[in-house]
Amino acid sequence: MTINKNAEGEKLTVSLEGRLDTTTAPDLEAELKSALDGIKELVFDLSSIEYISSAGLRVLLSAHKSMNSAGGSMIIKGANEEIMEIFDVTGFIDILNIES
């Protein structure tokens, strides 16, 4: 998986490419830990994600909780049909702020 970060003031956009699974989720988690200080708006661009596992969902939920506790917001953009179905089946569609 490739992780690209673009910070603009208090906004951080994280673009992911490939698979967010058990192997790659720890990498994303580590990247976020060092990148969220001072961030009020976190945007995940999932337009190039092919697959997301429960480990990937856990990282997204953790980031969501971190942003909420810091008084910020998190948006997920660009999820394809398969990823949206995973969000729907797991109930994440009701928890996360997902834009199509």
PDB file of N, CA and C in Angstrom:
ATOM      1  N   MET A   1       0.840  -1.171   0.000  1.00  0.00           N
ATOM      2  CA  MET A   1       0.000   0.000   0.000  1.00  0.00           C
ATOM      3  C   MET A   1       0.889   1.239   0.000  1.00  0.00           C
ATOM      4  N   THR A   2       0.478   2.236  -0.732  1.00  0.00           N
ATOM      5  CA  THR A   2       1.168   3.518  -0.766  1.00  0.00           C
ATOM      6  C   THR A   2       0.354   4.534   0.015  1.00  0.00           C
ATOM      7  N   ILE A   3       1.035   5.314   0.858  1.00  0.00           N
ATOM      8  CA  ILE A   3       0.390   6.347   1.660  1.00  0.00           C
ATOM      9  C   ILE A   3       0.967   7.691   1.237  1.00  0.00           C
ATOM     10  N   ASN A   4       0.117   8.585   0.749  1.00  0.00           N
ATOM     11  CA  ASN A   4       0.540   9.945   0.396  1.00  0.00           C
ATOM     12  C   ASN A   4      -0.182  10.920   1.300  1.00  0.00           C
ATOM     13  N   LYS A   5       0.595  11.801   1.943  1.00  0.00           N
ATOM     14  CA  LYS A   5       0.013  12.798   2.844  1.00  0.00           C
ATOM     15  C   LYS A   5       0.231  14.190   2.268  1.00  0.00           C
ATOM     16  N   ASN A   6      -0.813  15.025   2.382  1.00  0.00           N
ATOM     17  CA  ASN A   6      -0.728  16.403   1.934  1.00  0.00           C
ATOM     18  C   ASN A   6      -1.340  17.295   3.014  1.00  0.00           C
ATOM     19  N   ALA A   7      -0.499  18.055   3.698  1.00  0.00           N
ATOM     20  CA  ALA A   7      -0.963  18.939   4.767  1.00  0.00           C
ATOM     21  C   ALA A   7      -1.109  20.363   4.253  1.00  0.00           C
ATOM     22  N   GLU A   8      -2.250  20.953   4.560  1.00  0.00           N
ATOM     23  CA  GLU A   8      -2.514  22.357   4.228  1.00  0.00           C
ATOM     24  C   GLU A   8      -3.066  23.018   5.482  1.00  0.00           C
ATOM     25  N   GLY A   9      -2.195  23.651   6.245  1.00  0.00           N
ATOM     26  CA  GLY A   9      -2.624  24.270   7.499  1.00  0.00           C
ATOM     27  C   GLY A   9      -3.107  23.202   8.470  1.00  0.00           C
ATOM     28  N   GLU A  10      -4.384  23.305   8.892  1.00  0.00           N
ATOM     29  CA  GLU A  10      -4.945  22.348   9.844  1.00  0.00           C
ATOM     30  C   GLU A  10      -5.655  21.186   9.152  1.00  0.00           C
ATOM     31  N   LYS A  11      -5.514  21.090   7.824  1.00  0.00           N
ATOM     32  CA  LYS A  11      -6.151  20.014   7.058  1.00  0.00           C
ATOM     33  C   LYS A  11      -5.088  19.045   6.553  1.00  0.00           C
ATOM     34  N   LEU A  12      -5.346  17.755   6.757  1.00  0.00           N
ATOM     35  CA  LEU A  12      -4.446  16.719   6.263  1.00  0.00           C
ATOM     36  C   LEU A  12      -5.247  15.784   5.371  1.00  0.00           C
ATOM     37  N   THR A  13      -4.782  15.625   4.132  1.00  0.00           N
ATOM     38  CA  THR A  13      -5.389  14.670   3.213  1.00  0.00           C
ATOM     39  C   THR A  13      -4.449  13.479   3.086  1.00  0.00           C
ATOM     40  N   VAL A  14      -5.003  12.285   3.338  1.00  0.00           N
ATOM     41  CA  VAL A  14      -4.238  11.049   3.243  1.00  0.00           C
ATOM     42  C   VAL A  14      -4.823  10.244   2.095  1.00  0.00           C
ATOM     43  N   SER A  15      -4.032  10.076   1.035  1.00  0.00           N
ATOM     44  CA  SER A  15      -4.458   9.291  -0.128  1.00  0.00           C
ATOM     45  C   SER A  15      -3.817   7.917  -0.034  1.00  0.00           C
ATOM     46  N   LEU A  16      -4.647   6.896  -0.130  1.00  0.00           N
ATOM     47  CA  LEU A  16      -4.169   5.531  -0.014  1.00  0.00           C
ATOM     48  C   LEU A  16      -4.310   4.810  -1.345  1.00  0.00           C
ATOM     49  N   GLU A  17      -3.344   3.934  -1.625  1.00  0.00           N
ATOM     50  CA  GLU A  17      -3.364   3.186  -2.878  1.00  0.00           C
ATOM     51  C   GLU A  17      -2.997   1.740  -2.590  1.00  0.00           C
ATOM     52  N   GLY A  18      -3.815   0.806  -3.084  1.00  0.00           N
ATOM     53  CA  GLY A  18      -3.529  -0.615  -2.897  1.00  0.00           C
ATOM     54  C   GLY A  18      -4.525  -1.277  -1.971  1.00  0.00           C
ATOM     55  N   ARG A  19      -4.007  -2.066  -1.014  1.00  0.00           N
ATOM     56  CA  ARG A  19      -4.845  -2.812  -0.085  1.00  0.00           C
ATOM     57  C   ARG A  19      -4.580  -2.348   1.341  1.00  0.00           C
ATOM     58  N   LEU A  20      -5.661  -2.060   2.065  1.00  0.00           N
ATOM     59  CA  LEU A  20      -5.555  -1.707   3.483  1.00  0.00           C
ATOM     60  C   LEU A  20      -5.994  -2.941   4.261  1.00  0.00           C
ATOM     61  N   ASP A  21      -5.003  -3.745   4.665  1.00  0.00           N
ATOM     62  CA  ASP A  21      -5.297  -5.025   5.292  1.00  0.00           C
ATOM     63  C   ASP A  21      -4.405  -5.249   6.509  1.00  0.00           C
ATOM     64  N   THR A  22      -4.378  -6.462   7.004  1.00  0.00           N
ATOM     65  CA  THR A  22      -3.616  -6.800   8.207  1.00  0.00           C
ATOM     66  C   THR A  22      -2.139  -6.454   8.063  1.00  0.00           C
ATOM     67  N   THR A  23      -1.603  -6.586   6.876  1.00  0.00           N
ATOM     68  CA  THR A  23      -0.190  -6.314   6.629  1.00  0.00           C
ATOM     69  C   THR A  23       0.105  -4.820   6.597  1.00  0.00           C
ATOM     70  N   THR A  24      -0.792  -4.030   5.998  1.00  0.00           N
ATOM     71  CA  THR A  24      -0.510  -2.611   5.782  1.00  0.00           C
ATOM     72  C   THR A  24      -1.138  -1.670   6.816  1.00  0.00           C
ATOM     73  N   ALA A  25      -2.142  -2.146   7.539  1.00  0.00           N
ATOM     74  CA  ALA A  25      -2.812  -1.291   8.531  1.00  0.00           C
ATOM     75  C   ALA A  25      -1.849  -0.723   9.587  1.00  0.00           C
ATOM     76  N   PRO A  26      -0.903  -1.517  10.107  1.00  0.00           N
ATOM     77  CA  PRO A  26       0.042  -0.946  11.084  1.00  0.00           C
ATOM     78  C   PRO A  26       0.868   0.212  10.508  1.00  0.00           C
ATOM     79  N   ASP A  27       1.191   0.149   9.211  1.00  0.00           N
ATOM     80  CA  ASP A  27       1.935   1.243   8.574  1.00  0.00           C
ATOM     81  C   ASP A  27       1.108   2.527   8.585  1.00  0.00           C
ATOM     82  N   LEU A  28      -0.167   2.417   8.244  1.00  0.00           N
ATOM     83  CA  LEU A  28      -1.037   3.592   8.246  1.00  0.00           C
ATOM     84  C   LEU A  28      -1.205   4.129   9.662  1.00  0.00           C
ATOM     85  N   GLU A  29      -1.386   3.235  10.611  1.00  0.00           N
ATOM     86  CA  GLU A  29      -1.537   3.649  12.004  1.00  0.00           C
ATOM     87  C   GLU A  29      -0.318   4.429  12.485  1.00  0.00           C
ATOM     88  N   ALA A  30       0.873   3.942  12.147  1.00  0.00           N
ATOM     89  CA  ALA A  30       2.122   4.618  12.535  1.00  0.00           C
ATOM     90  C   ALA A  30       2.233   5.982  11.867  1.00  0.00           C
ATOM     91  N   GLU A  31       1.875   6.059  10.592  1.00  0.00           N
ATOM     92  CA  GLU A  31       1.924   7.338   9.863  1.00  0.00           C
ATOM     93  C   GLU A  31       0.984   8.360  10.504  1.00  0.00           C
ATOM     94  N   LEU A  32      -0.210   7.914  10.896  1.00  0.00           N
ATOM     95  CA  LEU A  32      -1.190   8.834  11.467  1.00  0.00           C
ATOM     96  C   LEU A  32      -0.770   9.339  12.835  1.00  0.00           C
ATOM     97  N   LYS A  33      -0.171   8.477  13.642  1.00  0.00           N
ATOM     98  CA  LYS A  33       0.246   8.889  14.980  1.00  0.00           C
ATOM     99  C   LYS A  33       1.169  10.094  14.935  1.00  0.00           C
ATOM    100  N   SER A  34       2.059  10.117  13.958  1.00  0.00           N
ATOM    101  CA  SER A  34       3.025  11.210  13.870  1.00  0.00           C
ATOM    102  C   SER A  34       2.494  12.406  13.083  1.00  0.00           C
ATOM    103  N   ALA A  35       1.330  12.264  12.449  1.00  0.00           N
ATOM    104  CA  ALA A  35       0.867  13.321  11.534  1.00  0.00           C
ATOM    105  C   ALA A  35      -0.344  14.102  12.030  1.00  0.00           C
ATOM    106  N   LEU A  36      -1.009  13.664  13.095  1.00  0.00           N
ATOM    107  CA  LEU A  36      -2.280  14.287  13.473  1.00  0.00           C
ATOM    108  C   LEU A  36      -2.169  15.466  14.436  1.00  0.00           C
ATOM    109  N   ASP A  37      -0.980  15.741  14.960  1.00  0.00           N
ATOM    110  CA  ASP A  37      -0.834  16.883  15.870  1.00  0.00           C
ATOM    111  C   ASP A  37      -1.189  18.177  15.162  1.00  0.00           C
ATOM    112  N   GLY A  38      -2.132  18.923  15.728  1.00  0.00           N
ATOM    113  CA  GLY A  38      -2.526  20.206  15.161  1.00  0.00           C
ATOM    114  C   GLY A  38      -3.496  20.114  14.000  1.00  0.00           C
ATOM    115  N   ILE A  39      -3.895  18.910  13.631  1.00  0.00           N
ATOM    116  CA  ILE A  39      -4.820  18.724  12.507  1.00  0.00           C
ATOM    117  C   ILE A  39      -6.256  18.790  13.004  1.00  0.00           C
ATOM    118  N   LYS A  40      -7.079  19.585  12.343  1.00  0.00           N
ATOM    119  CA  LYS A  40      -8.502  19.713  12.697  1.00  0.00           C
ATOM    120  C   LYS A  40      -9.405  19.058  11.666  1.00  0.00           C
ATOM    121  N   GLU A  41      -8.901  18.844  10.447  1.00  0.00           N
ATOM    122  CA  GLU A  41      -9.683  18.180   9.409  1.00  0.00           C
ATOM    123  C   GLU A  41      -8.825  17.119   8.747  1.00  0.00           C
ATOM    124  N   LEU A  42      -9.277  15.871   8.864  1.00  0.00           N
ATOM    125  CA  LEU A  42      -8.573  14.731   8.277  1.00  0.00           C
ATOM    126  C   LEU A  42      -9.430  14.178   7.151  1.00  0.00           C
ATOM    127  N   VAL A  43      -8.838  14.082   5.959  1.00  0.00           N
ATOM    128  CA  VAL A  43      -9.552  13.564   4.789  1.00  0.00           C
ATOM    129  C   VAL A  43      -8.811  12.328   4.290  1.00  0.00           C
ATOM    130  N   PHE A  44      -9.551  11.221   4.166  1.00  0.00           N
ATOM    131  CA  PHE A  44      -8.998  10.009   3.559  1.00  0.00           C
ATOM    132  C   PHE A  44      -9.532   9.906   2.148  1.00  0.00           C
ATOM    133  N   ASP A  45      -8.629   9.816   1.176  1.00  0.00           N
ATOM    134  CA  ASP A  45      -8.998   9.582  -0.216  1.00  0.00           C
ATOM    135  C   ASP A  45      -8.769   8.101  -0.498  1.00  0.00           C
ATOM    136  N   LEU A  46      -9.871   7.358  -0.637  1.00  0.00           N
ATOM    137  CA  LEU A  46      -9.787   5.919  -0.847  1.00  0.00           C
ATOM    138  C   LEU A  46     -10.027   5.531  -2.305  1.00  0.00           C
ATOM    139  N   SER A  47      -9.945   6.489  -3.212  1.00  0.00           N
ATOM    140  CA  SER A  47     -10.264   6.212  -4.619  1.00  0.00           C
ATOM    141  C   SER A  47      -9.343   5.173  -5.260  1.00  0.00           C
ATOM    142  N   SER A  48      -8.164   4.938  -4.679  1.00  0.00           N
ATOM    143  CA  SER A  48      -7.242   3.941  -5.238  1.00  0.00           C
ATOM    144  C   SER A  48      -7.081   2.722  -4.334  1.00  0.00           C
ATOM    145  N   ILE A  49      -8.013   2.554  -3.397  1.00  0.00           N
ATOM    146  CA  ILE A  49      -7.988   1.377  -2.514  1.00  0.00           C
ATOM    147  C   ILE A  49      -8.793   0.257  -3.163  1.00  0.00           C
ATOM    148  N   GLU A  50      -8.181  -0.918  -3.243  1.00  0.00           N
ATOM    149  CA  GLU A  50      -8.824  -2.078  -3.867  1.00  0.00           C
ATOM    150  C   GLU A  50      -9.578  -2.923  -2.845  1.00  0.00           C
ATOM    151  N   TYR A  51      -9.095  -2.915  -1.593  1.00  0.00           N
ATOM    152  CA  TYR A  51      -9.635  -3.815  -0.576  1.00  0.00           C
ATOM    153  C   TYR A  51      -9.366  -3.221   0.791  1.00  0.00           C
ATOM    154  N   ILE A  52     -10.294  -3.445   1.729  1.00  0.00           N
ATOM    155  CA  ILE A  52     -10.073  -3.042   3.112  1.00  0.00           C
ATOM    156  C   ILE A  52     -10.528  -4.179   4.018  1.00  0.00           C
ATOM    157  N   SER A  53      -9.676  -4.555   4.969  1.00  0.00           N
ATOM    158  CA  SER A  53      -9.994  -5.640   5.898  1.00  0.00           C
ATOM    159  C   SER A  53     -10.449  -5.047   7.232  1.00  0.00           C
ATOM    160  N   SER A  54     -10.763  -5.920   8.170  1.00  0.00           N
ATOM    161  CA  SER A  54     -11.171  -5.457   9.500  1.00  0.00           C
ATOM    162  C   SER A  54     -10.045  -4.676  10.177  1.00  0.00           C
ATOM    163  N   ALA A  55      -8.799  -5.024   9.899  1.00  0.00           N
ATOM    164  CA  ALA A  55      -7.666  -4.281  10.466  1.00  0.00           C
ATOM    165  C   ALA A  55      -7.642  -2.857   9.922  1.00  0.00           C
ATOM    166  N   GLY A  56      -7.942  -2.697   8.638  1.00  0.00           N
ATOM    167  CA  GLY A  56      -8.025  -1.371   8.037  1.00  0.00           C
ATOM    168  C   GLY A  56      -9.184  -0.572   8.604  1.00  0.00           C
ATOM    169  N   LEU A  57     -10.314  -1.232   8.795  1.00  0.00           N
ATOM    170  CA  LEU A  57     -11.477  -0.560   9.392  1.00  0.00           C
ATOM    171  C   LEU A  57     -11.152  -0.072  10.801  1.00  0.00           C
ATOM    172  N   ARG A  58     -10.404  -0.884  11.545  1.00  0.00           N
ATOM    173  CA  ARG A  58     -10.032  -0.503  12.908  1.00  0.00           C
ATOM    174  C   ARG A  58      -9.182   0.768  12.914  1.00  0.00           C
ATOM    175  N   VAL A  59      -8.262   0.883  11.968  1.00  0.00           N
ATOM    176  CA  VAL A  59      -7.416   2.079  11.885  1.00  0.00           C
ATOM    177  C   VAL A  59      -8.267   3.309  11.553  1.00  0.00           C
ATOM    178  N   LEU A  60      -9.218   3.163  10.621  1.00  0.00           N
ATOM    179  CA  LEU A  60     -10.100   4.284  10.279  1.00  0.00           C
ATOM    180  C   LEU A  60     -10.952   4.692  11.480  1.00  0.00           C
ATOM    181  N   LEU A  61     -11.475   3.714  12.223  1.00  0.00           N
ATOM    182  CA  LEU A  61     -12.283   4.017  13.394  1.00  0.00           C
ATOM    183  C   LEU A  61     -11.453   4.702  14.466  1.00  0.00           C
ATOM    184  N   SER A  62     -10.236   4.235  14.657  1.00  0.00           N
ATOM    185  CA  SER A  62      -9.334   4.849  15.633  1.00  0.00           C
ATOM    186  C   SER A  62      -9.022   6.302  15.256  1.00  0.00           C
ATOM    187  N   ALA A  63      -8.776   6.550  13.973  1.00  0.00           N
ATOM    188  CA  ALA A  63      -8.513   7.916  13.509  1.00  0.00           C
ATOM    189  C   ALA A  63      -9.741   8.795  13.714  1.00  0.00           C
ATOM    190  N   HIS A  64     -10.913   8.232  13.458  1.00  0.00           N
ATOM    191  CA  HIS A  64     -12.183   8.947  13.654  1.00  0.00           C
ATOM    192  C   HIS A  64     -12.333   9.359  15.122  1.00  0.00           C
ATOM    193  N   LYS A  65     -12.070   8.429  16.017  1.00  0.00           N
ATOM    194  CA  LYS A  65     -12.174   8.715  17.458  1.00  0.00           C
ATOM    195  C   LYS A  65     -11.154   9.764  17.878  1.00  0.00           C
ATOM    196  N   SER A  66      -9.937   9.664  17.358  1.00  0.00           N
ATOM    197  CA  SER A  66      -8.894  10.641  17.687  1.00  0.00           C
ATOM    198  C   SER A  66      -9.287  12.045  17.243  1.00  0.00           C
ATOM    199  N   MET A  67      -9.827  12.141  16.032  1.00  0.00           N
ATOM    200  CA  MET A  67     -10.233  13.452  15.514  1.00  0.00           C
ATOM    201  C   MET A  67     -11.391  14.013  16.333  1.00  0.00           C
ATOM    202  N   ASN A  68     -12.358  13.173  16.688  1.00  0.00           N
ATOM    203  CA  ASN A  68     -13.486  13.630  17.502  1.00  0.00           C
ATOM    204  C   ASN A  68     -13.036  14.114  18.869  1.00  0.00           C
ATOM    205  N   SER A  69     -12.131  13.375  19.508  1.00  0.00           N
ATOM    206  CA  SER A  69     -11.679  13.770  20.844  1.00  0.00           C
ATOM    207  C   SER A  69     -10.833  15.040  20.799  1.00  0.00           C
ATOM    208  N   ALA A  70     -10.244  15.345  19.652  1.00  0.00           N
ATOM    209  CA  ALA A  70      -9.436  16.559  19.494  1.00  0.00           C
ATOM    210  C   ALA A  70     -10.280  17.728  18.979  1.00  0.00           C
ATOM    211  N   GLY A  71     -11.591  17.504  18.822  1.00  0.00           N
ATOM    212  CA  GLY A  71     -12.466  18.566  18.337  1.00  0.00           C
ATOM    213  C   GLY A  71     -12.386  18.780  16.837  1.00  0.00           C
ATOM    214  N   GLY A  72     -11.884  17.787  16.126  1.00  0.00           N
ATOM    215  CA  GLY A  72     -11.747  17.891  14.678  1.00  0.00           C
ATOM    216  C   GLY A  72     -12.771  17.031  13.957  1.00  0.00           C
ATOM    217  N   SER A  73     -12.555  16.856  12.654  1.00  0.00           N
ATOM    218  CA  SER A  73     -13.470  16.051  11.855  1.00  0.00           C
ATOM    219  C   SER A  73     -12.683  15.162  10.901  1.00  0.00           C
ATOM    220  N   MET A  74     -13.339  14.100  10.452  1.00  0.00           N
ATOM    221  CA  MET A  74     -12.724  13.185   9.507  1.00  0.00           C
ATOM    222  C   MET A  74     -13.723  12.878   8.402  1.00  0.00           C
ATOM    223  N   ILE A  75     -13.256  12.921   7.166  1.00  0.00           N
ATOM    224  CA  ILE A  75     -14.102  12.648   6.002  1.00  0.00           C
ATOM    225  C   ILE A  75     -13.427  11.563   5.171  1.00  0.00           C
ATOM    226  N   ILE A  76     -14.228  10.650   4.643  1.00  0.00           N
ATOM    227  CA  ILE A  76     -13.731   9.633   3.727  1.00  0.00           C
ATOM    228  C   ILE A  76     -14.324   9.920   2.363  1.00  0.00           C
ATOM    229  N   LYS A  77     -13.449  10.002   1.365  1.00  0.00           N
ATOM    230  CA  LYS A  77     -13.880  10.304  -0.006  1.00  0.00           C
ATOM    231  C   LYS A  77     -13.405   9.210  -0.961  1.00  0.00           C
ATOM    232  N   GLY A  78     -14.123   9.065  -2.060  1.00  0.00           N
ATOM    233  CA  GLY A  78     -13.660   8.250  -3.175  1.00  0.00           C
ATOM    234  C   GLY A  78     -13.770   6.748  -3.010  1.00  0.00           C
ATOM    235  N   ALA A  79     -14.518   6.266  -2.017  1.00  0.00           N
ATOM    236  CA  ALA A  79     -14.634   4.817  -1.836  1.00  0.00           C
ATOM    237  C   ALA A  79     -15.424   4.207  -2.989  1.00  0.00           C
ATOM    238  N   ASN A  80     -14.889   3.128  -3.552  1.00  0.00           N
ATOM    239  CA  ASN A  80     -15.584   2.465  -4.665  1.00  0.00           C
ATOM    240  C   ASN A  80     -16.754   1.625  -4.140  1.00  0.00           C
ATOM    241  N   GLU A  81     -17.470   0.988  -5.049  1.00  0.00           N
ATOM    242  CA  GLU A  81     -18.665   0.216  -4.683  1.00  0.00           C
ATOM    243  C   GLU A  81     -18.365  -0.889  -3.683  1.00  0.00           C
ATOM    244  N   GLU A  82     -17.269  -1.603  -3.902  1.00  0.00           N
ATOM    245  CA  GLU A  82     -16.918  -2.707  -3.016  1.00  0.00           C
ATOM    246  C   GLU A  82     -16.603  -2.209  -1.607  1.00  0.00           C
ATOM    247  N   ILE A  83     -15.867  -1.122  -1.513  1.00  0.00           N
ATOM    248  CA  ILE A  83     -15.525  -0.552  -0.203  1.00  0.00           C
ATOM    249  C   ILE A  83     -16.788  -0.025   0.473  1.00  0.00           C
ATOM    250  N   MET A  84     -17.662   0.627  -0.295  1.00  0.00           N
ATOM    251  CA  MET A  84     -18.922   1.123   0.268  1.00  0.00           C
ATOM    252  C   MET A  84     -19.773  -0.023   0.808  1.00  0.00           C
ATOM    253  N   GLU A  85     -19.757  -1.153   0.115  1.00  0.00           N
ATOM    254  CA  GLU A  85     -20.513  -2.319   0.582  1.00  0.00           C
ATOM    255  C   GLU A  85     -19.954  -2.813   1.915  1.00  0.00           C
ATOM    256  N   ILE A  86     -18.626  -2.817   2.050  1.00  0.00           N
ATOM    257  CA  ILE A  86     -17.998  -3.207   3.320  1.00  0.00           C
ATOM    258  C   ILE A  86     -18.401  -2.231   4.424  1.00  0.00           C
ATOM    259  N   PHE A  87     -18.374  -0.936   4.135  1.00  0.00           N
ATOM    260  CA  PHE A  87     -18.803   0.057   5.122  1.00  0.00           C
ATOM    261  C   PHE A  87     -20.263  -0.168   5.515  1.00  0.00           C
ATOM    262  N   ASP A  88     -21.103  -0.512   4.541  1.00  0.00           N
ATOM    263  CA  ASP A  88     -22.525  -0.727   4.790  1.00  0.00           C
ATOM    264  C   ASP A  88     -22.754  -1.968   5.654  1.00  0.00           C
ATOM    265  N   VAL A  89     -22.150  -3.087   5.270  1.00  0.00           N
ATOM    266  CA  VAL A  89     -22.344  -4.347   5.984  1.00  0.00           C
ATOM    267  C   VAL A  89     -21.841  -4.263   7.423  1.00  0.00           C
ATOM    268  N   THR A  90     -20.740  -3.547   7.641  1.00  0.00           N
ATOM    269  CA  THR A  90     -20.153  -3.445   8.980  1.00  0.00           C
ATOM    270  C   THR A  90     -20.795  -2.359   9.840  1.00  0.00           C
ATOM    271  N   GLY A  91     -21.653  -1.533   9.238  1.00  0.00           N
ATOM    272  CA  GLY A  91     -22.275  -0.448   9.986  1.00  0.00           C
ATOM    273  C   GLY A  91     -21.431   0.817  10.035  1.00  0.00           C
ATOM    274  N   PHE A  92     -20.263   0.786   9.439  1.00  0.00           N
ATOM    275  CA  PHE A  92     -19.374   1.948   9.445  1.00  0.00           C
ATOM    276  C   PHE A  92     -19.988   3.117   8.674  1.00  0.00           C
ATOM    277  N   ILE A  93     -20.902   2.805   7.765  1.00  0.00           N
ATOM    278  CA  ILE A  93     -21.542   3.859   6.973  1.00  0.00           C
ATOM    279  C   ILE A  93     -22.332   4.807   7.872  1.00  0.00           C
ATOM    280  N   ASP A  94     -22.769   4.285   9.033  1.00  0.00           N
ATOM    281  CA  ASP A  94     -23.514   5.104   9.986  1.00  0.00           C
ATOM    282  C   ASP A  94     -22.610   5.816  10.990  1.00  0.00           C
ATOM    283  N   ILE A  95     -21.363   5.394  11.074  1.00  0.00           N
ATOM    284  CA  ILE A  95     -20.419   5.958  12.046  1.00  0.00           C
ATOM    285  C   ILE A  95     -19.527   7.022  11.416  1.00  0.00           C
ATOM    286  N   LEU A  96     -18.983   6.700  10.248  1.00  0.00           N
ATOM    287  CA  LEU A  96     -18.018   7.580   9.591  1.00  0.00           C
ATOM    288  C   LEU A  96     -18.718   8.567   8.661  1.00  0.00           C
ATOM    289  N   ASN A  97     -18.070   9.694   8.431  1.00  0.00           N
ATOM    290  CA  ASN A  97     -18.560  10.703   7.477  1.00  0.00           C
ATOM    291  C   ASN A  97     -17.994  10.341   6.107  1.00  0.00           C
ATOM    292  N   ILE A  98     -18.844   9.738   5.270  1.00  0.00           N
ATOM    293  CA  ILE A  98     -18.391   9.231   3.971  1.00  0.00           C
ATOM    294  C   ILE A  98     -19.064  10.021   2.860  1.00  0.00           C
ATOM    295  N   GLU A  99     -18.232  10.606   2.007  1.00  0.00           N
ATOM    296  CA  GLU A  99     -18.733  11.345   0.839  1.00  0.00           C
ATOM    297  C   GLU A  99     -18.470  10.512  -0.407  1.00  0.00           C
ATOM    298  N   SER A 100     -19.449  10.507  -1.318  1.00  0.00           N
ATOM    299  CA  SER A 100     -19.256   9.713  -2.541  1.00  0.00           C
ATOM    300  C   SER A 100     -18.585  10.518  -3.618  1.00  0.00           C
TER     301      SER A 100
END
